[in-house]
Amino acid sequence: MKTTLRGLAIALLIPLFLAVQVHAETASVTPETPANWWQKSSLDPTAEYSGWLKRLNLSLTYNHLTGNTEGYALGGSAGLTLRKGRTTGTLSYDINKKDITQGEEDTVKSEKWTTVLAGQYDFCRSGYGSAAYIWEQDSNNNIEMREITVAGIGSYLVSSERLNLNLFLGAGQTDEDYDHIVKRYTAIDNRTYNMLYLYQTLEWQITEWLTLSQGVRLIHSFSEMNEFSMEDETSAVSVTGQSRRDLLMVKVELQVPIRQYFSIFSSWNLNYDSHPWPGNDSTDTLTTVGLRFSH
């Protein structure tokens, strides 16, 4: 199933990305680009466009982390979205790779990055189908590699000039490889499980100079997994039960434009794991201030 879904996402994207060069060479007079087209259906009258649409995002951030790793660090992200007709493709990369200083002398190496490759086809003005392949690494939570393959349907629940609300619901498979610490304490180095995948985004342009964005990602496993606990004094690990696992990500962001194509933003991110590894916290937070280029 993973190979099929991955192939579907790539099949939707390849024609888009390969045609960018052809478009650049043949484009002449370009009509006005619809506002916020990437948040709307290609069949929405306010987002209709006969040619190619493209959007590039670059950002640099200064981050404060709490939870399994605490400290301050720099980060960055890049994203490209392309649309032709009813088909939309997205490629994004977000990285937080740094040495985090804890206290006056202790230094902890932290590496967290996410790559998303997604393809989308609009069936109608309010609905679409989508497939995605996601790579992730998170040393804060002992994840050497997480691969998510998902496909499903989505809806543009609200689509207006100032407010856009989207919801996607799908199913797929998650494959996780863990580091040597997890293997030493639990004898587990890999888990593969089928899951329900929910993704919701909202963007509200409160005023001309202030935009509120919000997003939620939920992964719910269909199978039960062991829950672990660790004795404080002896570091002995035991299994306390079994239940279905939930991975929750929440993001809230405020953005203020400062010049054409440039804006400053601040965001608060929460990551929750209902089944943390022995000795780990279930919740991590990330508070960010950054500079973004969008065009």
Protein backbone atom coordinates (compact mmCIF):
# COMPACT_ATOMS: atom_id res chain seq x y z
CA MET A 1 0.00 0.00 0.00
CA LYS A 2 2.83 2.40 0.85
CA THR A 3 4.39 1.96 -2.60
CA THR A 4 1.06 2.54 -4.32
CA LEU A 5 0.26 5.70 -2.37
CA ARG A 6 3.78 7.06 -2.82
CA GLY A 7 3.50 6.43 -6.54
CA LEU A 8 0.16 8.25 -6.65
CA ALA A 9 1.62 11.34 -4.95
CA ILE A 10 4.63 11.37 -7.28
CA ALA A 11 2.43 10.77 -10.34
CA LEU A 12 0.40 13.85 -9.45
CA LEU A 13 3.52 15.96 -8.93
CA ILE A 14 5.90 14.98 -11.74
CA PRO A 15 3.97 16.70 -14.54
CA LEU A 16 3.81 19.87 -12.46
CA PHE A 17 7.47 20.12 -11.55
CA LEU A 18 8.81 19.04 -14.95
CA ALA A 19 6.72 21.63 -16.74
CA VAL A 20 8.01 24.61 -14.76
CA GLN A 21 10.92 25.14 -17.17
CA VAL A 22 8.67 24.86 -20.20
CA HIS A 23 6.30 27.37 -18.65
CA ALA A 24 9.15 29.81 -17.95
CA GLU A 25 10.32 29.62 -21.56
CA THR A 26 6.90 30.00 -23.17
CA ALA A 27 5.14 32.44 -20.82
CA SER A 28 4.35 35.84 -22.33
CA VAL A 29 1.64 38.10 -20.91
CA THR A 30 0.73 36.91 -17.43
CA PRO A 31 -2.78 37.67 -16.11
CA GLU A 32 -3.21 38.79 -12.52
CA THR A 33 -2.58 36.02 -10.02
CA PRO A 34 -5.57 35.19 -7.79
CA ALA A 35 -5.10 36.08 -4.11
CA ASN A 36 -4.56 33.17 -1.69
CA TRP A 37 -5.15 30.64 -4.47
CA TRP A 38 -3.24 27.90 -2.61
CA GLN A 39 -5.95 27.88 0.10
CA LYS A 40 -8.85 27.58 -2.34
CA SER A 41 -10.21 25.10 -4.84
CA SER A 42 -9.03 25.57 -8.40
CA LEU A 43 -12.76 25.61 -9.29
CA ASP A 44 -13.50 28.54 -6.99
CA PRO A 45 -14.31 31.58 -9.21
CA THR A 46 -11.93 33.74 -7.14
CA ALA A 47 -9.04 31.29 -7.72
CA GLU A 48 -9.59 30.26 -11.35
CA TYR A 49 -6.52 30.70 -13.54
CA SER A 50 -5.80 29.37 -17.01
CA GLY A 51 -2.03 29.16 -16.66
CA TRP A 52 0.48 28.01 -14.10
CA LEU A 53 0.39 29.17 -10.50
CA LYS A 54 3.43 28.96 -8.24
CA ARG A 55 4.27 30.05 -4.72
CA LEU A 56 7.66 30.00 -2.99
CA ASN A 57 8.10 30.30 0.79
CA LEU A 58 11.41 30.78 2.63
CA SER A 59 11.81 31.53 6.33
CA LEU A 60 14.43 31.90 9.05
CA THR A 61 13.42 31.43 12.69
CA TYR A 62 14.66 31.86 16.23
CA ASN A 63 13.19 29.15 18.44
CA HIS A 64 12.61 28.42 22.11
CA LEU A 65 12.06 24.75 22.93
CA THR A 66 10.58 23.12 26.03
CA GLY A 67 9.87 19.49 26.88
CA ASN A 68 12.35 16.73 26.11
CA THR A 69 14.86 19.34 24.93
CA GLU A 70 15.01 22.88 26.33
CA GLY A 71 16.92 25.85 24.98
CA TYR A 72 17.19 28.36 22.13
CA ALA A 73 18.17 27.70 18.54
CA LEU A 74 17.93 28.78 14.89
CA GLY A 75 15.83 27.06 12.26
CA GLY A 76 14.57 27.45 8.70
CA SER A 77 12.08 26.20 6.15
CA ALA A 78 11.36 26.22 2.42
CA GLY A 79 8.27 25.34 0.43
CA LEU A 80 7.13 25.30 -3.20
CA THR A 81 3.51 24.98 -4.35
CA LEU A 82 2.53 24.60 -8.02
CA ARG A 83 -0.89 24.41 -9.66
CA LYS A 84 -2.07 23.71 -13.17
CA GLY A 85 -5.76 23.23 -13.80
CA ARG A 86 -7.23 21.05 -11.04
CA THR A 87 -3.90 19.59 -9.93
CA THR A 88 -1.79 21.07 -7.12
CA GLY A 89 1.64 19.86 -5.99
CA THR A 90 3.54 20.78 -2.84
CA LEU A 91 7.13 20.17 -1.76
CA SER A 92 8.26 21.52 1.62
CA TYR A 93 11.21 21.15 3.97
CA ASP A 94 11.51 22.32 7.57
CA ILE A 95 14.66 21.90 9.65
CA ASN A 96 15.80 22.57 13.20
CA LYS A 97 19.32 21.16 13.37
CA LYS A 98 21.48 22.69 16.04
CA ASP A 99 23.36 22.44 19.32
CA ILE A 100 21.14 23.56 22.18
CA THR A 101 22.79 24.99 25.29
CA GLN A 102 21.17 23.89 28.53
CA GLY A 103 22.35 25.79 31.57
CA GLU A 104 25.81 27.31 31.37
CA GLU A 105 27.90 24.42 30.06
CA ASP A 106 25.77 21.48 28.88
CA THR A 107 25.26 21.16 25.12
CA VAL A 108 22.68 18.82 23.61
CA LYS A 109 22.67 17.97 19.90
CA SER A 110 19.15 18.30 18.52
CA GLU A 111 18.03 17.47 14.99
CA LYS A 112 14.47 17.69 13.76
CA TRP A 113 13.37 17.98 10.15
CA THR A 114 10.30 17.24 8.04
CA THR A 115 9.97 16.82 4.27
CA VAL A 116 6.53 16.66 2.64
CA LEU A 117 5.74 15.65 -0.95
CA ALA A 118 2.02 15.94 -1.72
CA GLY A 119 -0.29 15.90 -4.73
CA GLN A 120 -3.89 17.09 -4.83
CA TYR A 121 -6.73 16.96 -7.39
CA ASP A 122 -9.88 19.09 -7.02
CA PHE A 123 -13.05 17.09 -7.71
CA CYS A 124 -15.36 20.06 -7.21
CA ARG A 125 -15.41 23.52 -5.65
CA SER A 126 -15.66 22.13 -2.11
CA GLY A 127 -13.81 18.79 -2.28
CA TYR A 128 -10.54 17.19 -3.37
CA GLY A 129 -8.49 14.00 -3.24
CA SER A 130 -4.89 13.98 -2.05
CA ALA A 131 -1.93 11.67 -1.46
CA ALA A 132 1.28 12.48 0.41
CA TYR A 133 4.61 11.03 1.45
CA ILE A 134 6.26 12.51 4.55
CA TRP A 135 9.77 11.98 5.94
CA GLU A 136 10.61 13.07 9.49
CA GLN A 137 13.49 12.85 11.95
CA ASP A 138 13.22 13.92 15.59
CA SER A 139 16.17 13.22 17.86
CA ASN A 140 14.31 14.87 20.77
CA ASN A 141 11.90 11.92 20.73
CA ASN A 142 14.38 9.22 19.65
CA ILE A 143 13.01 9.02 16.08
CA GLU A 144 15.81 8.25 13.62
CA MET A 145 13.31 8.16 10.73
CA ARG A 146 9.54 8.34 10.42
CA GLU A 147 7.92 7.71 7.03
CA ILE A 148 4.23 8.47 6.57
CA THR A 149 2.27 7.46 3.48
CA VAL A 150 -1.32 8.66 3.33
CA ALA A 151 -4.22 9.18 0.91
CA GLY A 152 -7.71 10.52 1.44
CA ILE A 153 -10.25 13.23 0.73
CA GLY A 154 -10.47 16.84 1.85
CA SER A 155 -12.91 19.72 1.90
CA TYR A 156 -12.70 23.50 1.61
CA LEU A 157 -15.14 24.06 4.47
CA VAL A 158 -14.93 27.86 4.36
CA SER A 159 -13.50 29.77 1.40
CA SER A 160 -13.72 33.55 1.39
CA GLU A 161 -11.54 36.60 0.90
CA ARG A 162 -10.54 36.81 4.57
CA LEU A 163 -11.25 33.36 6.04
CA ASN A 164 -10.25 29.93 4.71
CA LEU A 165 -10.80 26.64 6.57
CA ASN A 166 -9.67 23.29 5.12
CA LEU A 167 -10.05 19.74 6.46
CA PHE A 168 -8.38 16.54 5.20
CA LEU A 169 -9.13 13.00 6.41
CA GLY A 170 -7.19 10.00 5.19
CA ALA A 171 -5.66 6.65 6.05
CA GLY A 172 -2.25 5.16 5.48
CA GLN A 173 0.81 3.68 7.11
CA THR A 174 3.54 4.97 9.42
CA ASP A 175 6.97 3.36 9.64
CA GLU A 176 9.30 4.45 12.47
CA ASP A 177 12.96 3.62 13.18
CA TYR A 178 14.24 4.35 16.69
CA ASP A 179 17.68 5.15 18.07
CA HIS A 180 19.92 2.96 20.22
CA ILE A 181 18.51 4.33 23.49
CA VAL A 182 15.03 3.02 22.74
CA LYS A 183 16.42 -0.32 21.64
CA ARG A 184 18.49 -0.65 24.81
CA TYR A 185 15.56 -0.02 27.17
CA THR A 186 12.67 -1.62 25.24
CA ALA A 187 14.29 -3.97 22.66
CA ILE A 188 12.28 -2.13 19.97
CA ASP A 189 14.06 -0.61 16.97
CA ASN A 190 11.16 -0.32 14.49
CA ARG A 191 7.37 -0.15 14.38
CA THR A 192 5.08 -0.15 11.33
CA TYR A 193 1.38 0.50 11.82
CA ASN A 194 -1.73 1.52 9.91
CA MET A 195 -3.30 4.78 10.97
CA LEU A 196 -6.00 7.40 10.59
CA TYR A 197 -4.67 10.78 9.47
CA LEU A 198 -6.43 14.11 10.07
CA TYR A 199 -5.09 17.49 8.95
CA GLN A 200 -6.87 20.82 9.44
CA THR A 201 -5.76 24.36 8.56
CA LEU A 202 -7.28 27.80 9.07
CA GLU A 203 -6.14 31.23 7.89
CA TRP A 204 -7.94 34.40 8.95
CA GLN A 205 -6.88 37.81 7.67
CA ILE A 206 -7.99 39.84 10.69
CA THR A 207 -6.85 43.15 9.21
CA GLU A 208 -4.69 44.26 6.30
CA TRP A 209 -1.69 44.10 8.64
CA LEU A 210 -2.45 41.00 10.73
CA THR A 211 -3.12 37.37 9.76
CA LEU A 212 -3.89 34.47 12.11
CA SER A 213 -3.02 30.94 10.98
CA GLN A 214 -3.74 27.67 12.76
CA GLY A 215 -3.14 24.00 11.98
CA VAL A 216 -3.72 20.58 13.53
CA ARG A 217 -2.31 17.16 12.55
CA LEU A 218 -3.51 13.98 14.24
CA ILE A 219 -2.19 10.46 13.66
CA HIS A 220 -4.26 7.73 15.36
CA SER A 221 -2.98 4.15 15.20
CA PHE A 222 -5.44 1.35 14.44
CA SER A 223 -3.38 -1.12 16.50
CA GLU A 224 -2.58 -1.10 20.20
CA MET A 225 0.96 -0.40 21.42
CA ASN A 226 2.79 -0.95 24.69
CA GLU A 227 2.85 1.84 27.27
CA PHE A 228 6.10 2.07 29.25
CA SER A 229 7.15 3.48 32.58
CA MET A 230 10.59 3.92 34.17
CA GLU A 231 11.56 3.71 37.83
CA ASP A 232 13.27 6.92 38.94
CA GLU A 233 15.81 5.23 41.22
CA THR A 234 16.72 2.10 39.26
CA SER A 235 15.84 3.17 35.67
CA ALA A 236 14.06 -0.17 35.33
CA VAL A 237 11.53 -0.19 32.46
CA SER A 238 8.19 -1.99 32.62
CA VAL A 239 5.09 -2.30 30.40
CA THR A 240 2.07 -0.74 32.11
CA GLY A 241 -0.58 -1.47 29.47
CA GLN A 242 -1.60 -1.34 25.83
CA SER A 243 -3.68 1.19 23.92
CA ARG A 244 -3.93 2.94 20.57
CA ARG A 245 -1.38 5.68 20.04
CA ASP A 246 -2.11 9.32 19.21
CA LEU A 247 0.41 11.77 17.77
CA LEU A 248 -0.88 15.34 17.86
CA MET A 249 0.65 18.49 16.40
CA VAL A 250 -0.90 21.95 16.93
CA LYS A 251 0.35 25.26 15.52
CA VAL A 252 -0.92 28.83 16.02
CA GLU A 253 0.75 31.73 14.19
CA LEU A 254 0.42 35.50 13.84
CA GLN A 255 1.93 37.18 10.76
CA VAL A 256 2.54 40.88 9.99
CA PRO A 257 3.68 42.10 6.53
CA ILE A 258 6.59 44.53 6.55
CA ARG A 259 7.36 44.92 2.82
CA GLN A 260 6.28 43.38 -0.45
CA TYR A 261 7.01 39.62 -0.24
CA PHE A 262 8.38 39.91 3.33
CA SER A 263 6.67 39.44 6.70
CA ILE A 264 7.53 38.76 10.32
CA PHE A 265 5.72 36.10 12.28
CA SER A 266 5.51 34.43 15.66
CA SER A 267 4.15 30.94 16.26
CA TRP A 268 3.50 28.48 19.05
CA ASN A 269 3.79 24.74 18.32
CA LEU A 270 2.78 21.77 20.45
CA ASN A 271 3.76 18.12 19.83
CA TYR A 272 2.03 15.43 21.90
CA ASP A 273 2.74 11.67 21.98
CA SER A 274 0.33 9.55 24.01
CA HIS A 275 2.99 6.80 24.22
CA PRO A 276 6.30 8.52 25.10
CA TRP A 277 9.40 6.41 25.54
CA PRO A 278 10.60 5.63 29.09
CA GLY A 279 12.00 8.79 30.64
CA ASN A 280 10.53 11.08 27.96
CA ASP A 281 7.87 13.75 28.36
CA SER A 282 4.68 13.35 26.37
CA THR A 283 4.66 17.01 25.28
CA ASP A 284 7.15 19.28 23.50
CA THR A 285 6.55 22.94 22.67
CA LEU A 286 8.27 25.32 20.28
CA THR A 287 7.87 29.10 20.31
CA THR A 288 9.16 30.81 17.19
CA VAL A 289 9.89 34.31 15.91
CA GLY A 290 10.90 34.56 12.27
CA LEU A 291 11.23 36.36 8.95
CA ARG A 292 9.39 34.98 5.90
CA PHE A 293 9.74 35.56 2.15
CA SER A 294 6.71 34.61 0.03
CA HIS A 295 6.28 35.08 -3.71
